[in-house]
């Protein structure tokens, strides 16, 4: 009796500690699109949907399916917070937590957004995209977008209030020239006059959504040739930017499968009725998995007609289970239908002003300004730090990385003496984002290669025979061939017993049973292996009959 009572006391203490740990409050801060912050307390078993609902309730936002919450893990990898999983298991970091509220799915037609509040939040996101170089545009479009921002925040031009250089108070683009500022001022004085903030924001949405980089959250990677590329997912489909142009646009209807293995990402689809397989390499497996998840979510959101049609997607092959993921939420068509049924008085918009920074360089203060119909904003001087929205280096598409062609110019600069660089080289950008040792060593390897070529060029006039070093490349080639053969034999010795175990044995293990039940394995077994086995057995019997006779 005494032992049973002691056991019960231990179980009670264990349950009490578990309940206490579950009830422990964790502080969580969410940065909003206007750089203000809201905080709340969560439990260890709180799911991501609670936090998203908390932010949407703060805004009184109904069209919330376009938005999501993003965070950065300890390895500086970005993630979208999954609504159906607990927050603590996703964060994998010590509290307090800091996340960001951002637009996750850009509306294909912003004009179909029902409420002004939703359009205003999309406007804030696009303003960030313009400032951080993600939304690139021709000079004329850049000037028009800048004028819309100035009109929405200052109202009509007033010579008594606005000095000659008032546009320079706005840091709208990563690098804006005086030529661009003069054009913005001209449009602001003439074309946008009389527009209230809501109309100016609407005009910005109308122009921005026609640009090729609208909604592109660029993922840096390398293609099969080793060239730097940026992948993105839009309402239209999967896009690839490389060099000075968009080299691929695969519409969602033509994308049949997205998969990844380690650092390699595959896009399988159809183009001109032919199978197309695009292969890309990311810096880390975590970056590749994040890229795959973003693709699966965007394809489900924009392609499916109903959320009930969404299926669980797997990146598995015959021998490995891989990752399984399912987008949980409404799709674009359902969101538009739900928006059309909204019937309420539009909520008031509380705008956050950002006063000028102090001399000590401290961060901006934020305070709520009483809402007004004109939503006038104070003069704003943007922080000259990297993008704070993820708490790490900003992921930008710079002039060198994106190199848009004439139909899609980058952030406009002066035309004198060619185009200046806005940001670092692609290799340096990828290195800062992901700290990839292979990418870090690449410039040094290029310099060594160039130095070797120069030495060969200097040695050639001295009469050095090109055959003198001919044996070295031949030996290296033979060694590489020997290593390849050894690797192939090793893989064959490992895979052949496993294949015979699958095909011939009756061992009933769950792992082997799952492999045997796959359609690919059954097709291989009945269409290829069984005929081959019968042919081999027939030949062996013929040889044995001859030897016996």
Protein backbone atom coordinates (compact mmCIF):
# COMPACT_ATOMS: atom_id res chain seq x y z
CA UNK A 1 0.00 0.00 0.00
CA UNK A 2 2.80 2.37 0.92
CA UNK A 3 4.55 1.75 -2.46
CA UNK A 4 1.32 2.38 -4.41
CA UNK A 5 0.73 5.64 -2.54
CA UNK A 6 4.31 6.79 -3.23
CA UNK A 7 3.88 5.96 -6.93
CA UNK A 8 0.66 7.99 -7.08
CA UNK A 9 2.39 10.96 -5.43
CA UNK A 10 5.18 10.85 -8.04
CA UNK A 11 2.64 10.72 -10.88
CA UNK A 12 0.75 13.63 -9.34
CA UNK A 13 3.94 15.72 -9.06
CA UNK A 14 4.80 14.89 -12.69
CA UNK A 15 1.36 15.91 -13.93
CA UNK A 16 1.45 19.10 -11.88
CA UNK A 17 4.78 20.14 -13.41
CA UNK A 18 3.48 19.36 -16.89
CA UNK A 19 0.37 21.47 -16.35
CA UNK A 20 2.52 24.27 -14.92
CA UNK A 21 4.81 24.22 -17.98
CA UNK A 22 1.81 24.30 -20.33
CA UNK A 23 0.31 27.25 -18.48
CA UNK A 24 3.55 29.19 -18.53
CA UNK A 25 3.07 32.43 -20.47
CA UNK A 26 5.47 33.35 -23.27
CA UNK A 27 5.85 36.90 -24.52
CA UNK A 28 5.49 37.34 -28.28
CA UNK A 29 6.01 40.55 -30.31
CA UNK A 30 4.73 41.04 -33.85
CA UNK A 31 6.06 43.82 -36.08
CA UNK A 32 3.39 45.27 -38.32
CA UNK A 33 3.64 46.66 -41.83
CA UNK A 34 3.97 50.25 -40.59
CA UNK A 35 6.89 49.23 -38.30
CA UNK A 36 4.80 49.52 -35.16
CA UNK A 37 4.62 46.54 -32.82
CA UNK A 38 2.01 44.70 -30.82
CA UNK A 39 2.66 42.19 -28.06
CA UNK A 40 0.70 39.36 -26.53
CA UNK A 41 1.17 36.40 -24.23
CA UNK A 42 0.82 32.84 -25.50
CA UNK A 43 0.93 29.39 -23.94
CA UNK A 44 3.25 26.57 -24.95
CA UNK A 45 0.42 24.77 -26.70
CA UNK A 46 -0.87 27.87 -28.55
CA UNK A 47 -1.12 27.36 -32.29
CA UNK A 48 -0.11 29.80 -35.00
CA UNK A 49 -3.71 30.57 -35.96
CA UNK A 50 -4.26 32.25 -32.59
CA UNK A 51 -1.45 34.75 -33.22
CA UNK A 52 -2.66 35.52 -36.75
CA UNK A 53 -6.21 36.06 -35.44
CA UNK A 54 -4.83 38.31 -32.70
CA UNK A 55 -3.16 40.60 -35.23
CA UNK A 56 -6.21 40.61 -37.51
CA UNK A 57 -8.45 41.50 -34.56
CA UNK A 58 -6.07 44.35 -33.75
CA UNK A 59 -6.73 45.73 -37.23
CA UNK A 60 -10.38 44.57 -37.33
CA UNK A 61 -9.36 42.81 -40.54
CA UNK A 62 -11.77 40.40 -42.23
CA UNK A 63 -9.94 39.67 -45.50
CA UNK A 64 -7.11 38.05 -43.59
CA UNK A 65 -6.32 35.11 -45.88
CA UNK A 66 -3.87 37.21 -47.91
CA UNK A 67 -1.65 37.70 -44.86
CA UNK A 68 0.70 35.61 -42.77
CA UNK A 69 3.27 35.83 -40.01
CA UNK A 70 6.93 35.31 -40.77
CA UNK A 71 9.86 34.58 -38.49
CA UNK A 72 13.56 33.77 -38.68
CA UNK A 73 15.17 30.77 -36.99
CA UNK A 74 18.59 30.58 -35.32
CA UNK A 75 20.26 29.77 -38.67
CA UNK A 76 18.83 32.99 -40.20
CA UNK A 77 16.39 31.00 -42.33
CA UNK A 78 12.99 32.57 -42.92
CA UNK A 79 9.74 30.66 -42.35
CA UNK A 80 6.02 31.30 -42.52
CA UNK A 81 4.25 30.47 -39.28
CA UNK A 82 2.00 27.46 -39.87
CA UNK A 83 -1.46 28.09 -38.37
CA UNK A 84 -2.23 24.47 -37.45
CA UNK A 85 0.99 23.83 -35.49
CA UNK A 86 2.05 25.06 -32.07
CA UNK A 87 4.19 28.17 -32.08
CA UNK A 88 6.84 26.88 -29.68
CA UNK A 89 7.58 23.80 -31.81
CA UNK A 90 8.02 25.96 -34.89
CA UNK A 91 10.18 28.67 -33.36
CA UNK A 92 12.84 26.37 -31.83
CA UNK A 93 14.34 29.35 -30.03
CA UNK A 94 14.28 30.80 -26.56
CA UNK A 95 11.46 33.26 -25.86
CA UNK A 96 10.54 36.07 -26.10
CA UNK A 97 9.61 35.63 -29.75
CA UNK A 98 9.69 38.32 -32.45
CA UNK A 99 7.80 37.87 -35.72
CA UNK A 100 6.53 39.99 -38.60
CA UNK A 101 3.07 40.44 -40.10
CA UNK A 102 3.35 40.51 -43.89
CA UNK A 103 1.39 39.92 -47.10
CA UNK A 104 1.79 36.24 -47.94
CA UNK A 105 -0.41 35.95 -51.05
CA UNK A 106 -0.61 39.00 -53.30
CA UNK A 107 -4.10 39.40 -54.84
CA UNK A 108 -4.15 38.74 -58.56
CA UNK A 109 -6.61 41.61 -59.01
CA UNK A 110 -6.29 44.15 -56.17
CA UNK A 111 -9.41 45.91 -57.44
CA UNK A 112 -11.51 42.98 -56.20
CA UNK A 113 -10.48 43.64 -52.61
CA UNK A 114 -13.65 44.75 -50.86
CA UNK A 115 -12.41 46.82 -47.92
CA UNK A 116 -10.17 49.88 -47.89
CA UNK A 117 -8.36 48.53 -44.82
CA UNK A 118 -7.10 45.51 -46.78
CA UNK A 119 -6.02 47.71 -49.68
CA UNK A 120 -4.18 49.98 -47.27
CA UNK A 121 -2.22 47.04 -45.79
CA UNK A 122 -1.35 45.82 -49.30
CA UNK A 123 -0.24 49.38 -50.11
CA UNK A 124 2.11 49.33 -47.10
CA UNK A 125 3.57 46.00 -48.23
CA UNK A 126 4.15 47.29 -51.77
CA UNK A 127 5.77 50.41 -50.37
CA UNK A 128 8.21 48.16 -48.52
CA UNK A 129 8.80 46.11 -51.68
CA UNK A 130 9.64 49.27 -53.62
CA UNK A 131 11.98 50.58 -50.93
CA UNK A 132 13.84 47.28 -50.53
CA UNK A 133 14.26 46.70 -54.26
CA UNK A 134 11.90 43.76 -54.64
CA UNK A 135 9.46 45.58 -56.93
CA UNK A 136 11.35 46.79 -60.00
CA UNK A 137 9.82 49.02 -62.62
CA UNK A 138 10.56 51.30 -65.58
CA UNK A 139 11.44 54.93 -64.93
CA UNK A 140 7.95 56.24 -65.78
CA UNK A 141 6.24 53.68 -63.54
CA UNK A 142 8.69 54.38 -60.71
CA UNK A 143 7.93 58.08 -60.88
CA UNK A 144 4.19 57.45 -60.90
CA UNK A 145 4.36 55.05 -57.94
CA UNK A 146 6.48 57.55 -56.01
CA UNK A 147 3.98 60.32 -56.75
CA UNK A 148 1.11 58.13 -55.50
CA UNK A 149 2.97 57.53 -52.22
CA UNK A 150 3.65 61.24 -51.77
CA UNK A 151 0.03 62.12 -52.57
CA UNK A 152 -1.28 59.51 -50.11
CA UNK A 153 0.96 60.76 -47.31
CA UNK A 154 1.15 64.54 -47.91
CA UNK A 155 -1.98 65.31 -49.88
CA UNK A 156 -2.04 68.00 -52.59
CA UNK A 157 1.04 70.05 -53.35
CA UNK A 158 1.10 73.37 -51.48
CA UNK A 159 3.92 75.79 -52.35
CA UNK A 160 3.59 77.49 -48.97
CA UNK A 161 4.15 74.24 -47.06
CA UNK A 162 6.36 72.22 -49.39
CA UNK A 163 9.87 73.50 -50.14
CA UNK A 164 11.63 72.92 -53.44
CA UNK A 165 13.30 69.71 -52.28
CA UNK A 166 10.40 68.22 -50.34
CA UNK A 167 10.56 64.94 -52.28
CA UNK A 168 14.06 64.27 -50.92
CA UNK A 169 12.49 63.89 -47.46
CA UNK A 170 10.98 60.64 -48.73
CA UNK A 171 13.33 57.70 -49.19
CA UNK A 172 11.11 55.82 -51.61
CA UNK A 173 13.66 53.75 -53.55
CA UNK A 174 16.94 52.06 -52.64
CA UNK A 175 18.72 54.69 -54.69
CA UNK A 176 16.77 57.60 -56.10
CA UNK A 177 18.29 60.24 -58.35
CA UNK A 178 17.48 63.92 -58.62
CA UNK A 179 16.06 63.21 -62.06
CA UNK A 180 13.58 60.76 -60.53
CA UNK A 181 12.69 63.18 -57.72
CA UNK A 182 11.97 65.94 -60.24
CA UNK A 183 9.68 63.61 -62.19
CA UNK A 184 7.86 62.54 -59.00
CA UNK A 185 7.40 66.20 -58.07
CA UNK A 186 5.99 67.00 -61.51
CA UNK A 187 3.43 64.17 -61.34
CA UNK A 188 2.52 65.05 -57.73
CA UNK A 189 1.86 68.69 -58.62
CA UNK A 190 -0.25 67.96 -61.70
CA UNK A 191 -1.60 64.42 -62.19
CA UNK A 192 -2.39 63.33 -58.63
CA UNK A 193 -3.85 66.61 -57.41
CA UNK A 194 -7.23 66.23 -55.74
CA UNK A 195 -6.82 62.53 -54.95
CA UNK A 196 -7.64 61.47 -51.40
CA UNK A 197 -5.28 58.92 -49.78
CA UNK A 198 -7.55 55.98 -50.59
CA UNK A 199 -7.65 56.88 -54.31
CA UNK A 200 -3.89 57.43 -54.45
CA UNK A 201 -3.31 54.05 -52.81
CA UNK A 202 -5.74 52.42 -55.24
CA UNK A 203 -3.88 53.93 -58.20
CA UNK A 204 -0.60 52.56 -56.84
CA UNK A 205 -2.11 49.08 -56.56
CA UNK A 206 -3.45 49.28 -60.12
CA UNK A 207 -0.06 50.18 -61.54
CA UNK A 208 2.04 47.89 -59.33
CA UNK A 209 0.10 44.71 -60.06
CA UNK A 210 0.93 44.99 -63.78
CA UNK A 211 4.69 44.72 -63.14
CA UNK A 212 6.53 41.42 -63.61
CA UNK A 213 7.96 41.43 -60.09
CA UNK A 214 4.63 42.11 -58.35
CA UNK A 215 4.31 39.61 -55.54
CA UNK A 216 7.76 38.07 -56.08
CA UNK A 217 9.50 37.09 -52.85
CA UNK A 218 12.89 36.20 -54.36
CA UNK A 219 14.64 32.98 -53.35
CA UNK A 220 18.36 33.00 -54.28
CA UNK A 221 19.74 29.83 -55.81
CA UNK A 222 21.91 28.50 -58.63
CA UNK A 223 20.84 26.65 -61.75
CA UNK A 224 22.50 23.55 -63.21
CA UNK A 225 25.20 25.70 -64.84
CA UNK A 226 26.14 27.37 -61.55
CA UNK A 227 24.66 30.74 -62.56
CA UNK A 228 22.87 32.80 -59.92
CA UNK A 229 19.10 32.87 -60.28
CA UNK A 230 16.15 34.11 -58.24
CA UNK A 231 13.00 32.04 -58.00
CA UNK A 232 9.59 33.37 -57.14
CA UNK A 233 5.92 32.42 -56.99
CA UNK A 234 3.20 34.77 -58.18
CA UNK A 235 -0.52 34.57 -58.83
CA UNK A 236 0.29 33.61 -62.43
CA UNK A 237 2.79 30.87 -61.74
CA UNK A 238 6.42 30.00 -61.12
CA UNK A 239 8.99 32.55 -62.32
CA UNK A 240 12.78 32.56 -62.66
CA UNK A 241 14.85 35.71 -63.03
CA UNK A 242 18.43 35.48 -64.22
CA UNK A 243 20.85 37.88 -65.78
CA UNK A 244 18.87 40.67 -67.38
CA UNK A 245 15.51 39.06 -67.93
CA UNK A 246 12.82 36.71 -66.74
CA UNK A 247 13.88 33.42 -68.26
CA UNK A 248 10.95 31.25 -67.16
CA UNK A 249 7.26 31.73 -66.50
CA UNK A 250 5.50 28.44 -65.89
CA UNK A 251 1.80 28.94 -65.26
CA UNK A 252 0.26 27.02 -62.37
CA UNK A 253 -1.88 24.96 -64.76
CA UNK A 254 1.33 23.68 -66.37
CA UNK A 255 3.14 22.85 -63.09
CA UNK A 256 2.56 19.17 -62.31
CA UNK A 257 4.88 18.65 -59.33
CA UNK A 258 7.26 20.48 -56.99
CA UNK A 259 9.82 18.42 -55.10
CA UNK A 260 13.13 18.75 -53.34
CA UNK A 261 15.96 16.49 -52.21
CA UNK A 262 18.54 17.98 -49.88
CA UNK A 263 19.65 21.26 -51.46
CA UNK A 264 18.14 20.49 -54.88
CA UNK A 265 14.75 21.85 -55.91
CA UNK A 266 12.83 20.44 -58.89
CA UNK A 267 9.97 21.97 -60.87
CA UNK A 268 8.26 19.43 -63.12
CA UNK A 269 5.74 20.65 -65.66
CA UNK A 270 4.70 20.94 -69.26
CA UNK A 271 5.79 23.53 -71.79
CA UNK A 272 4.54 23.39 -75.38
CA UNK A 273 3.19 19.87 -74.68
CA UNK A 274 6.65 18.63 -73.69
CA UNK A 275 7.77 17.55 -70.25
CA UNK A 276 9.95 20.14 -68.58
CA UNK A 277 12.16 19.56 -65.52
CA UNK A 278 13.89 22.59 -63.99
CA UNK A 279 16.62 21.96 -61.42
CA UNK A 280 18.00 24.50 -58.95
CA UNK A 281 20.42 24.34 -56.02
CA UNK A 282 20.01 26.31 -52.79
CA UNK A 283 22.65 27.06 -50.17
CA UNK A 284 21.15 24.91 -47.41
CA UNK A 285 18.59 22.09 -47.10
CA UNK A 286 16.47 24.36 -44.87
CA UNK A 287 16.35 27.00 -47.61
CA UNK A 288 15.34 24.34 -50.14
CA UNK A 289 12.54 23.05 -47.92
CA UNK A 290 11.28 26.60 -47.32
CA UNK A 291 11.30 27.19 -51.09
CA UNK A 292 9.34 23.97 -51.63
CA UNK A 293 6.75 24.87 -48.99
CA UNK A 294 6.25 28.34 -50.48
CA UNK A 295 5.71 26.79 -53.89
CA UNK A 296 3.21 24.23 -52.59
CA UNK A 297 1.23 26.91 -50.75
CA UNK A 298 1.15 29.35 -53.67
CA UNK A 299 0.12 26.64 -56.12
CA UNK A 300 -2.72 25.52 -53.85
CA UNK A 301 -3.88 29.09 -53.16
CA UNK A 302 -3.97 30.28 -56.76
CA UNK A 303 -4.71 27.07 -58.68
CA UNK A 304 -7.39 25.22 -56.70
CA UNK A 305 -11.03 26.23 -57.01
CA UNK A 306 -11.94 25.01 -53.51
CA UNK A 307 -9.95 24.30 -50.37
CA UNK A 308 -11.48 20.81 -50.31
CA UNK A 309 -9.46 20.01 -53.45
CA UNK A 310 -6.13 20.58 -51.70
CA UNK A 311 -4.18 17.38 -51.15
CA UNK A 312 -1.24 16.51 -48.97
CA UNK A 313 1.92 16.84 -51.03
CA UNK A 314 4.98 14.65 -50.53
CA UNK A 315 8.53 15.07 -51.77
CA UNK A 316 9.18 11.33 -51.39
CA UNK A 317 10.54 8.83 -53.87
CA UNK A 318 10.48 5.03 -53.86
CA UNK A 319 13.06 4.47 -51.13
CA UNK A 320 12.55 7.46 -48.80
CA UNK A 321 9.46 8.94 -47.21
CA UNK A 322 10.55 12.57 -47.54
CA UNK A 323 8.58 15.57 -46.29
CA UNK A 324 4.80 15.82 -46.33
CA UNK A 325 2.99 19.13 -46.29
CA UNK A 326 -0.55 20.41 -46.83
CA UNK A 327 -1.67 23.99 -47.20
CA UNK A 328 -4.42 24.77 -44.72
CA UNK A 329 -6.56 27.77 -45.51
CA UNK A 330 -8.87 29.26 -48.10
CA UNK A 331 -7.94 29.53 -51.76
CA UNK A 332 -8.04 32.72 -53.85
CA UNK A 333 -11.48 32.10 -55.36
CA UNK A 334 -13.01 31.43 -51.94
CA UNK A 335 -11.41 34.59 -50.53
CA UNK A 336 -12.90 36.71 -53.34
CA UNK A 337 -16.33 35.14 -52.83
CA UNK A 338 -16.17 35.76 -49.08
CA UNK A 339 -15.08 39.36 -49.67
CA UNK A 340 -18.09 40.04 -51.87
CA UNK A 341 -20.37 39.07 -48.99
CA UNK A 342 -18.86 41.49 -46.44
CA UNK A 343 -21.46 43.98 -45.28
CA UNK A 344 -20.33 46.35 -42.55
CA UNK A 345 -19.29 49.93 -42.06
CA UNK A 346 -15.60 50.26 -42.98
CA UNK A 347 -13.37 50.34 -39.90
CA UNK A 348 -11.40 53.47 -39.11
CA UNK A 349 -7.73 53.39 -39.99
CA UNK A 350 -5.37 54.32 -37.17
CA UNK A 351 -2.17 55.53 -38.85
CA UNK A 352 1.16 55.34 -37.07
CA UNK A 353 3.40 58.35 -37.56
CA UNK A 354 7.16 58.16 -37.35
CA UNK A 355 8.76 61.31 -35.93
CA UNK A 356 12.28 62.29 -36.79
CA UNK A 357 15.05 60.34 -35.13
CA UNK A 358 17.04 61.86 -32.35
CA UNK A 359 20.65 62.91 -32.67
CA UNK A 360 21.81 59.77 -30.93
CA UNK A 361 20.55 57.64 -33.83
CA UNK A 362 17.95 55.83 -31.75
CA UNK A 363 15.18 53.93 -33.46
CA UNK A 364 11.97 55.67 -34.40
CA UNK A 365 9.29 56.12 -31.82
CA UNK A 366 5.75 55.12 -32.73
CA UNK A 367 2.49 56.55 -31.51
CA UNK A 368 -1.08 56.34 -32.66
CA UNK A 369 -2.49 59.36 -34.43
CA UNK A 370 -6.23 59.92 -34.27
CA UNK A 371 -7.75 58.75 -37.57
CA UNK A 372 -8.87 61.36 -40.05
CA UNK A 373 -10.51 61.19 -43.42
CA UNK A 374 -7.41 62.51 -45.18
CA UNK A 375 -4.98 60.26 -43.21
CA UNK A 376 -2.24 62.92 -43.36
CA UNK A 377 1.18 61.61 -42.35
CA UNK A 378 4.11 63.51 -40.93
CA UNK A 379 7.35 63.78 -42.87
CA UNK A 380 9.07 60.45 -42.78
CA UNK A 381 12.74 59.65 -42.92
CA UNK A 382 13.27 55.92 -43.39
CA UNK A 383 15.84 54.02 -41.39
CA UNK A 384 19.04 53.32 -43.30
CA UNK A 385 19.41 49.88 -41.84
CA UNK A 386 18.86 46.61 -43.65
CA UNK A 387 15.27 45.41 -43.78
CA UNK A 388 14.12 44.69 -40.25
CA UNK A 389 11.06 42.73 -41.24
CA UNK A 390 12.81 39.37 -40.76
CA UNK A 391 15.42 40.44 -38.25
CA UNK A 392 18.22 39.57 -40.70
CA UNK A 393 19.83 40.84 -43.90
CA UNK A 394 17.34 42.07 -46.46
CA UNK A 395 16.75 39.90 -49.47
CA UNK A 396 16.78 42.31 -52.37
CA UNK A 397 16.88 41.98 -56.10
CA UNK A 398 19.54 44.47 -57.02
CA UNK A 399 20.42 45.95 -60.36
CA UNK A 400 23.24 43.47 -60.86
CA UNK A 401 21.34 40.45 -59.58
CA UNK A 402 18.13 41.07 -61.48
CA UNK A 403 19.55 43.06 -64.43
CA UNK A 404 16.13 43.84 -65.91
CA UNK A 405 15.95 44.48 -69.63
CA UNK A 406 14.55 47.61 -71.27
CA UNK A 407 11.00 46.49 -70.59
CA UNK A 408 11.70 46.23 -66.86
CA UNK A 409 14.27 48.77 -65.73
CA UNK A 410 15.57 48.65 -62.16
CA UNK A 411 15.29 51.44 -59.66
CA UNK A 412 15.97 54.46 -61.88
CA UNK A 413 19.33 56.22 -61.69
CA UNK A 414 21.01 58.91 -63.75
CA UNK A 415 21.75 57.85 -67.31
CA UNK A 416 25.17 59.59 -67.29
CA UNK A 417 28.05 57.15 -67.60
CA UNK A 418 25.95 54.00 -67.58
CA UNK A 419 24.16 52.27 -64.70
CA UNK A 420 25.60 52.38 -61.18
CA UNK A 421 25.43 49.38 -58.91
CA UNK A 422 22.80 49.56 -56.20
CA UNK A 423 23.83 46.60 -54.07
CA UNK A 424 26.55 43.99 -53.74
CA UNK A 425 27.32 41.22 -56.19
CA UNK A 426 25.09 38.11 -56.27
CA UNK A 427 27.79 35.96 -54.70
CA UNK A 428 28.26 38.40 -51.82
CA UNK A 429 24.49 38.70 -51.33
CA UNK A 430 24.05 34.94 -51.15
CA UNK A 431 27.03 34.67 -48.81
CA UNK A 432 25.58 37.21 -46.39
CA UNK A 433 22.15 35.60 -46.48
CA UNK A 434 23.14 31.99 -46.06
CA UNK A 435 26.86 31.90 -45.12
CA UNK A 436 27.48 29.15 -47.67
CA UNK A 437 31.14 28.11 -47.62
CA UNK A 438 30.99 27.00 -51.26
CA UNK A 439 29.72 30.39 -52.34
CA UNK A 440 32.22 32.11 -50.07
CA UNK A 441 35.13 30.38 -51.80
CA UNK A 442 33.84 31.06 -55.28
CA UNK A 443 35.46 34.49 -55.89
CA UNK A 444 38.82 33.14 -54.72
CA UNK A 445 38.51 30.19 -57.09
CA UNK A 446 37.72 32.54 -59.95
CA UNK A 447 40.80 34.63 -59.14
CA UNK A 448 43.01 31.52 -59.00
CA UNK A 449 41.62 30.36 -62.35
CA UNK A 450 42.32 33.76 -63.92
CA UNK A 451 45.85 33.76 -62.45
CA UNK A 452 46.56 30.31 -63.91
CA UNK A 453 45.35 31.45 -67.31
CA UNK A 454 47.63 34.49 -67.17
CA UNK A 455 50.63 32.31 -66.23
CA UNK A 456 49.94 30.00 -69.17
CA UNK A 457 49.68 33.00 -71.46
CA UNK A 458 53.05 34.31 -70.18
CA UNK A 459 54.74 30.93 -70.50
CA UNK A 460 53.57 30.32 -74.08
CA UNK A 461 55.97 32.81 -75.76
CA UNK A 462 58.93 31.32 -73.87
CA UNK A 463 58.72 28.18 -75.96
CA UNK A 464 57.30 25.85 -73.32
CA UNK A 465 55.95 22.73 -74.96
CA UNK A 466 52.23 22.16 -74.49
CA UNK A 467 52.95 18.44 -74.35
CA UNK A 468 55.19 18.84 -71.30
CA UNK A 469 52.24 18.91 -68.91
CA UNK A 470 50.03 16.60 -70.95
CA UNK A 471 50.57 13.60 -68.70
CA UNK A 472 49.21 15.40 -65.62
CA UNK A 473 45.69 16.02 -67.00
CA UNK A 474 45.62 12.44 -68.32
CA UNK A 475 46.55 11.05 -64.90
CA UNK A 476 43.93 13.20 -63.21
CA UNK A 477 41.31 11.97 -65.70
CA UNK A 478 42.23 8.34 -65.04
CA UNK A 479 42.07 8.86 -61.28
CA UNK A 480 38.62 10.47 -61.59
CA UNK A 481 37.45 7.55 -63.74
CA UNK A 482 38.77 5.04 -61.21
CA UNK A 483 36.99 6.85 -58.35
CA UNK A 484 33.77 6.88 -60.36
CA UNK A 485 33.99 3.13 -61.05
CA UNK A 486 34.74 2.39 -57.40
CA UNK A 487 31.75 4.49 -56.32
CA UNK A 488 29.47 2.75 -58.83
CA UNK A 489 30.60 -0.70 -57.66
CA UNK A 490 30.08 0.28 -54.03
CA UNK A 491 26.56 1.52 -54.71
CA UNK A 492 25.81 -1.64 -56.69
CA UNK A 493 26.97 -3.87 -53.84
CA UNK A 494 24.71 -1.97 -51.44
CA UNK A 495 21.63 -1.59 -53.64
CA UNK A 496 21.62 -5.05 -55.24
CA UNK A 497 21.10 -6.97 -51.95
CA UNK A 498 18.42 -4.46 -50.95
CA UNK A 499 16.66 -4.92 -54.30
CA UNK A 500 16.79 -8.72 -54.00
CA UNK A 501 15.48 -8.43 -50.46
CA UNK A 502 12.52 -6.43 -51.74
CA UNK A 503 11.82 -8.66 -54.74
CA UNK A 504 12.47 -12.18 -53.45
CA UNK A 505 12.04 -12.21 -49.69
CA UNK A 506 8.78 -12.55 -47.76
CA UNK A 507 9.91 -10.42 -44.82
CA UNK A 508 6.89 -8.41 -43.68
CA UNK A 509 8.35 -5.18 -42.34
CA UNK A 510 6.37 -1.92 -42.53
CA UNK A 511 9.20 -0.13 -44.34
CA UNK A 512 9.53 -2.86 -46.98
CA UNK A 513 5.74 -3.28 -47.25
CA UNK A 514 5.26 0.43 -48.03
CA UNK A 515 7.87 0.26 -50.79
CA UNK A 516 6.33 -2.87 -52.31
CA UNK A 517 2.88 -1.24 -52.44
CA UNK A 518 3.99 1.78 -54.44
CA UNK A 519 2.76 1.83 -58.10
CA UNK A 520 6.29 2.39 -59.40
CA UNK A 521 7.64 -0.68 -57.62
CA UNK A 522 4.75 -2.89 -58.77
CA UNK A 523 5.24 -1.76 -62.38
CA UNK A 524 8.98 -2.49 -62.18
CA UNK A 525 8.32 -5.90 -60.60
CA UNK A 526 5.74 -7.20 -63.08
CA UNK A 527 6.87 -5.54 -66.30
CA UNK A 528 10.65 -5.80 -65.98
CA UNK A 529 11.87 -8.01 -63.16
CA UNK A 530 9.60 -11.04 -63.66
CA UNK A 531 10.32 -11.39 -67.43
CA UNK A 532 14.03 -10.94 -66.76
CA UNK A 533 13.99 -13.59 -64.05
CA UNK A 534 12.16 -16.09 -66.32
CA UNK A 535 14.67 -15.46 -69.10
CA UNK A 536 17.65 -15.99 -66.75
CA UNK A 537 16.14 -19.21 -65.31
CA UNK A 538 15.49 -20.52 -68.86
CA UNK A 539 19.08 -19.85 -69.92
CA UNK A 540 20.44 -21.53 -66.77
CA UNK A 541 18.28 -24.62 -67.41
CA UNK A 542 19.53 -24.82 -70.99
CA UNK A 543 23.16 -24.65 -69.86
CA UNK A 544 22.58 -27.29 -67.14
CA UNK A 545 20.86 -29.62 -69.66
CA UNK A 546 23.84 -29.34 -72.01
CA UNK A 547 26.30 -30.05 -69.18
CA UNK A 548 24.20 -33.02 -67.99
CA UNK A 549 23.88 -34.47 -71.49
